[in-house]
Amino acid sequence: MFEGSFVAIVTPFSNGKVDASALRGLIEFHIENGTNGIVPCGTTGESATLNHAEHEEVIRIAVETCKGRIPVLAGTGSNATQEAIELTQRAQKIGADGALLITPYYNKPTQEGLFQHFSAVAKETDLPIILYNVPSRTSINMVSSTVARLSSVRNIVGIKEASGSLVQVSEIIDSCGPDFEVISGEDALTWPILAIGGKGAISVTANLVPDKCAKMCRAAREGDVDKAKELHYELLKLNDILFIETNPIPVKAALALMSRIENEFRAPLCAPSEENLSKLKAVLKSYDLV
């Protein structure tokens, strides 16, 4: 269900509120350009600064706009287990197809704590769950042996892996079996992860070029190594520039330059520096995006 190119979609704002019209427009843009699924309320969607009402609103907009055409994998993670349970249950009630749950951040649980956290959430929902490991954001790395333990839980079906370690990704693929969906969480490593057995990507870059990201995942699935590799290198500079400042600052600035959203961020995030904005514009021009 969660294979191929999924977009970690931004949350557009207008005058401090969720811009529902712009969000619907972005989702339609993705459906038209081959994106395989929408991931609202992830890191790129500024989930950390959405209140609960906004969180529900964004997921509801995604579900209602997709109308079953492509799946909605809703971000419902928290550093508090009970809150993660509640967010996941709300996403299920709204009609999401699955839940993406980040490892608890800041409180730095042990590996046993991670196992208990995700097991507890899974027990309280019927939604399929994709784990999300991104140590650069959370300060904790969920190791492959913990993922293997969790893969035996009935509705934990995969992981978005953003540790940056192809060794760790390989260990997860090897230990969890072919039905467990290992998904790239780093655009720069999407092709290498696909090449060693990954099933897809949850992409920041897809916000800008959904067609190319979808084509790369499709080429990998069809065994067209040359095409997948060609797209990997074609996207190299774009993947790089989108992390010149903290995500999602560059990608939202890029979408604003492309006139798809307003140039608005949720504090404490702010607009990029003039120097970095100039670099971003130059790369966007080289891809004919502005």
Protein backbone atom coordinates (compact mmCIF):
# COMPACT_ATOMS: atom_id res chain seq x y z
CA MET A 1 0.00 0.00 0.00
CA PHE A 2 2.80 2.43 0.82
CA GLU A 3 5.16 1.74 -2.07
CA GLY A 4 6.45 4.21 -4.64
CA SER A 5 6.81 7.97 -4.37
CA PHE A 6 5.03 9.57 -1.43
CA VAL A 7 5.31 13.30 -0.80
CA ALA A 8 6.04 14.73 2.64
CA ILE A 9 3.70 17.57 1.80
CA VAL A 10 4.14 21.07 3.19
CA THR A 11 1.40 22.81 5.15
CA PRO A 12 0.58 26.12 3.43
CA PHE A 13 -0.35 29.00 5.70
CA SER A 14 -2.13 32.27 5.04
CA ASN A 15 -2.34 34.94 7.74
CA GLY A 16 -1.35 32.42 10.37
CA LYS A 17 -3.96 29.81 9.45
CA VAL A 18 -3.89 26.66 7.35
CA ASP A 19 -4.47 27.64 3.72
CA ALA A 20 -6.98 24.93 2.79
CA SER A 21 -7.33 26.05 -0.82
CA ALA A 22 -3.59 25.99 -1.44
CA LEU A 23 -3.28 22.57 0.21
CA ARG A 24 -6.02 21.13 -1.99
CA GLY A 25 -4.28 22.59 -5.03
CA LEU A 26 -0.98 20.97 -4.05
CA ILE A 27 -2.64 17.58 -3.60
CA GLU A 28 -4.29 17.78 -7.02
CA PHE A 29 -0.90 18.76 -8.51
CA HIS A 30 0.58 15.59 -7.01
CA ILE A 31 -2.19 13.32 -8.21
CA GLU A 32 -1.86 14.74 -11.74
CA ASN A 33 1.91 14.16 -11.71
CA GLY A 34 2.07 10.57 -10.55
CA THR A 35 2.70 10.83 -6.80
CA ASN A 36 1.68 7.54 -5.19
CA GLY A 37 0.62 8.90 -1.80
CA ILE A 38 0.28 11.98 0.41
CA VAL A 39 1.93 12.34 3.83
CA PRO A 40 0.36 15.25 5.74
CA CYS A 41 1.53 16.42 9.16
CA GLY A 42 5.08 15.17 8.89
CA THR A 43 8.22 17.15 9.63
CA THR A 44 7.93 18.92 6.28
CA GLY A 45 4.33 19.77 7.17
CA GLU A 46 5.52 21.60 10.32
CA SER A 47 3.64 19.15 12.52
CA ALA A 48 5.55 20.28 15.62
CA THR A 49 3.80 23.66 15.51
CA LEU A 50 0.31 22.57 14.44
CA ASN A 51 -2.22 22.51 17.25
CA HIS A 52 -4.54 19.51 17.48
CA ALA A 53 -7.38 21.22 15.61
CA GLU A 54 -5.02 22.16 12.77
CA HIS A 55 -3.57 18.67 12.74
CA GLU A 56 -7.03 17.20 12.22
CA GLU A 57 -7.88 19.85 9.63
CA VAL A 58 -4.83 19.09 7.49
CA ILE A 59 -5.46 15.34 7.57
CA ARG A 60 -9.15 15.84 6.78
CA ILE A 61 -8.33 18.05 3.79
CA ALA A 62 -5.92 15.42 2.49
CA VAL A 63 -8.43 12.58 2.92
CA GLU A 64 -11.30 14.52 1.35
CA THR A 65 -9.18 15.75 -1.57
CA CYS A 66 -7.59 12.39 -2.37
CA LYS A 67 -11.02 10.71 -2.29
CA GLY A 68 -9.40 7.29 -2.31
CA ARG A 69 -7.45 7.98 -5.51
CA ILE A 70 -4.14 7.67 -3.68
CA PRO A 71 -3.52 6.78 -0.03
CA VAL A 72 -3.06 9.25 2.81
CA LEU A 73 -0.36 8.31 5.32
CA ALA A 74 -0.95 10.71 8.19
CA GLY A 75 1.80 11.84 10.54
CA THR A 76 0.57 11.07 14.07
CA GLY A 77 3.76 10.73 16.10
CA SER A 78 4.56 12.36 19.42
CA ASN A 79 7.16 12.16 22.17
CA ALA A 80 4.29 11.23 24.51
CA THR A 81 2.83 7.76 23.96
CA GLN A 82 -0.71 8.67 24.99
CA GLU A 83 -0.75 11.68 22.67
CA ALA A 84 0.50 9.51 19.80
CA ILE A 85 -2.32 7.07 20.49
CA GLU A 86 -4.90 9.85 20.47
CA LEU A 87 -3.55 11.46 17.29
CA THR A 88 -3.51 8.09 15.53
CA GLN A 89 -7.05 7.28 16.60
CA ARG A 90 -8.24 10.66 15.30
CA ALA A 91 -6.51 10.06 11.96
CA GLN A 92 -8.24 6.69 11.72
CA LYS A 93 -11.62 8.28 12.45
CA ILE A 94 -11.04 10.93 9.76
CA GLY A 95 -10.31 8.22 7.21
CA ALA A 96 -6.53 8.13 6.75
CA ASP A 97 -5.14 4.98 5.16
CA GLY A 98 -2.20 4.68 7.52
CA ALA A 99 -0.17 6.44 10.19
CA LEU A 100 3.45 7.58 10.15
CA LEU A 101 4.93 7.66 13.66
CA ILE A 102 8.23 9.32 14.44
CA THR A 103 10.43 8.01 17.23
CA PRO A 104 9.79 10.02 20.42
CA TYR A 105 12.04 13.04 20.43
CA TYR A 106 13.83 14.97 23.22
CA ASN A 107 13.08 12.47 26.00
CA LYS A 108 15.48 9.91 24.39
CA PRO A 109 13.86 6.57 25.25
CA THR A 110 15.88 3.37 25.33
CA GLN A 111 15.42 0.71 22.64
CA GLU A 112 13.04 -1.10 25.00
CA GLY A 113 11.14 2.16 25.49
CA LEU A 114 10.82 2.55 21.72
CA PHE A 115 9.49 -0.99 21.42
CA GLN A 116 6.92 -0.41 24.14
CA HIS A 117 5.90 2.99 22.69
CA PHE A 118 5.17 1.73 19.18
CA SER A 119 3.60 -1.50 20.43
CA ALA A 120 1.24 0.52 22.63
CA VAL A 121 0.15 2.75 19.75
CA ALA A 122 -0.33 -0.21 17.41
CA LYS A 123 -2.53 -1.95 19.95
CA GLU A 124 -4.95 0.99 20.03
CA THR A 125 -5.55 1.37 16.28
CA ASP A 126 -6.45 -0.69 13.26
CA LEU A 127 -4.45 1.55 10.94
CA PRO A 128 -1.30 0.16 9.34
CA ILE A 129 1.69 1.91 10.88
CA ILE A 130 4.91 3.09 9.26
CA LEU A 131 7.67 3.76 11.79
CA TYR A 132 9.87 6.81 11.24
CA ASN A 133 13.53 6.87 12.25
CA VAL A 134 15.34 10.21 11.83
CA PRO A 135 18.11 10.55 14.43
CA SER A 136 19.21 13.98 13.18
CA ARG A 137 15.85 15.35 14.32
CA THR A 138 15.12 13.25 17.38
CA SER A 139 18.59 12.54 18.87
CA ILE A 140 17.74 8.84 19.13
CA ASN A 141 18.43 6.07 16.61
CA MET A 142 16.09 3.09 16.46
CA VAL A 143 18.45 0.22 15.66
CA SER A 144 17.70 -2.60 13.25
CA SER A 145 17.12 -5.19 15.98
CA THR A 146 14.37 -3.03 17.50
CA VAL A 147 12.76 -2.60 14.09
CA ALA A 148 12.89 -6.37 13.61
CA ARG A 149 11.07 -6.88 16.93
CA LEU A 150 8.42 -4.34 15.93
CA SER A 151 7.94 -5.88 12.50
CA SER A 152 6.24 -8.83 14.21
CA VAL A 153 3.45 -6.55 15.51
CA ARG A 154 0.44 -7.21 13.29
CA ASN A 155 -0.17 -3.67 11.97
CA ILE A 156 3.39 -2.29 11.94
CA VAL A 157 4.05 -2.71 8.24
CA GLY A 158 7.14 -0.66 7.46
CA ILE A 159 9.60 2.08 8.29
CA LYS A 160 10.63 5.42 6.86
CA GLU A 161 14.38 5.18 7.34
CA ALA A 162 16.41 8.38 7.56
CA SER A 163 19.38 7.32 9.65
CA GLY A 164 21.71 7.96 6.71
CA SER A 165 23.19 4.48 7.12
CA LEU A 166 22.85 2.08 4.21
CA VAL A 167 24.24 -0.63 6.49
CA GLN A 168 21.35 -0.10 8.91
CA VAL A 169 18.83 -0.04 6.05
CA SER A 170 20.33 -3.29 4.74
CA GLU A 171 20.07 -4.91 8.16
CA ILE A 172 16.40 -3.94 8.41
CA ILE A 173 15.58 -5.28 4.95
CA ASP A 174 17.45 -8.49 5.71
CA SER A 175 15.91 -9.08 9.13
CA CYS A 176 12.32 -7.98 8.51
CA GLY A 177 11.59 -9.88 5.32
CA PRO A 178 10.21 -8.94 1.89
CA ASP A 179 6.74 -7.87 3.05
CA PHE A 180 8.03 -5.19 5.42
CA GLU A 181 8.05 -1.86 3.58
CA VAL A 182 11.36 -0.05 3.99
CA ILE A 183 10.96 3.48 2.63
CA SER A 184 13.62 6.09 2.05
CA GLY A 185 13.39 9.17 4.25
CA GLU A 186 16.32 10.96 2.61
CA ASP A 187 16.03 12.17 -0.96
CA ALA A 188 19.77 11.97 -1.56
CA LEU A 189 19.70 8.25 -0.67
CA THR A 190 16.43 7.24 -2.32
CA TRP A 191 18.02 5.49 -5.30
CA PRO A 192 20.65 3.64 -3.19
CA ILE A 193 17.90 2.50 -0.80
CA LEU A 194 15.70 1.37 -3.69
CA ALA A 195 18.70 -0.43 -5.18
CA ILE A 196 19.19 -2.57 -2.06
CA GLY A 197 15.51 -3.46 -1.71
CA GLY A 198 13.63 -0.40 -0.48
CA LYS A 199 10.01 -0.07 -1.60
CA GLY A 200 9.74 3.69 -2.11
CA ALA A 201 10.33 7.13 -0.66
CA ILE A 202 8.66 9.77 1.46
CA SER A 203 10.16 12.74 -0.29
CA VAL A 204 10.71 16.44 0.29
CA THR A 205 11.91 16.97 -3.28
CA ALA A 206 8.65 15.53 -4.61
CA ASN A 207 6.96 18.74 -3.45
CA LEU A 208 8.61 20.43 -6.43
CA VAL A 209 9.09 17.69 -9.05
CA PRO A 210 6.60 14.92 -8.27
CA ASP A 211 6.80 13.51 -11.79
CA LYS A 212 10.55 12.91 -11.64
CA CYS A 213 10.43 11.37 -8.16
CA ALA A 214 7.60 9.06 -9.20
CA LYS A 215 9.45 8.05 -12.38
CA MET A 216 12.58 7.17 -10.38
CA CYS A 217 10.63 4.93 -8.01
CA ARG A 218 8.79 3.32 -10.92
CA ALA A 219 12.04 2.70 -12.82
CA ALA A 220 13.52 1.02 -9.75
CA ARG A 221 10.44 -1.16 -9.31
CA GLU A 222 10.58 -2.20 -12.98
CA GLY A 223 14.29 -2.99 -12.80
CA ASP A 224 15.31 -0.13 -15.11
CA VAL A 225 18.59 0.61 -13.35
CA ASP A 226 19.89 3.03 -15.97
CA LYS A 227 16.76 5.21 -15.82
CA ALA A 228 16.64 5.24 -12.02
CA LYS A 229 20.32 6.13 -11.82
CA GLU A 230 19.90 8.85 -14.43
CA LEU A 231 17.07 10.47 -12.43
CA HIS A 232 19.07 10.15 -9.20
CA TYR A 233 21.87 12.25 -10.67
CA GLU A 234 19.44 14.62 -12.35
CA LEU A 235 17.90 15.40 -8.94
CA LEU A 236 21.22 15.66 -7.09
CA LYS A 237 21.50 19.47 -6.94
CA LEU A 238 17.83 19.94 -6.15
CA ASN A 239 17.98 17.42 -3.29
CA ASP A 240 21.01 19.23 -1.91
CA ILE A 241 19.68 22.81 -2.06
CA LEU A 242 16.45 21.86 -0.28
CA PHE A 243 18.49 21.27 2.87
CA ILE A 244 20.61 24.42 2.72
CA GLU A 245 18.58 25.53 5.75
CA THR A 246 16.33 23.61 8.11
CA ASN A 247 13.59 21.67 6.31
CA PRO A 248 10.94 22.83 5.33
CA ILE A 249 12.27 26.38 4.98
CA PRO A 250 13.86 25.91 1.53
CA VAL A 251 11.05 23.81 0.04
CA LYS A 252 8.37 26.25 1.20
CA ALA A 253 10.39 29.17 -0.14
CA ALA A 254 10.70 27.30 -3.44
CA LEU A 255 6.96 26.64 -3.64
CA ALA A 256 6.32 30.31 -2.95
CA LEU A 257 8.69 31.27 -5.78
CA MET A 258 6.72 28.85 -7.97
CA SER A 259 3.50 30.68 -6.92
CA ARG A 260 1.98 27.53 -5.43
CA ILE A 261 1.78 28.76 -1.82
CA GLU A 262 2.25 31.96 0.13
CA ASN A 263 5.69 32.65 1.56
CA GLU A 264 4.65 31.98 5.14
CA PHE A 265 6.21 29.88 7.88
CA ARG A 266 5.10 28.94 11.38
CA ALA A 267 7.36 30.45 14.06
CA PRO A 268 10.03 29.67 15.14
CA LEU A 269 10.79 28.80 11.51
CA CYS A 270 11.40 31.85 9.34
CA ALA A 271 12.26 32.82 5.77
CA PRO A 272 15.70 31.83 4.46
CA SER A 273 18.58 34.29 4.43
CA GLU A 274 19.00 36.41 1.31
CA GLU A 275 22.22 34.60 0.48
CA ASN A 276 20.59 31.17 0.64
CA LEU A 277 17.50 32.40 -1.17
CA SER A 278 19.68 33.52 -4.07
CA LYS A 279 21.33 30.10 -4.19
CA LEU A 280 17.91 28.44 -4.11
CA LYS A 281 16.63 30.63 -6.96
CA ALA A 282 19.65 29.76 -9.08
CA VAL A 283 19.07 26.02 -8.68
CA LEU A 284 15.34 26.35 -9.34
CA LYS A 285 16.09 28.24 -12.54
CA SER A 286 18.47 25.50 -13.66
CA TYR A 287 15.55 23.05 -13.34
CA ASP A 288 13.15 25.44 -15.13
CA LEU A 289 10.97 25.63 -12.04
CA VAL A 290 10.90 29.44 -11.91
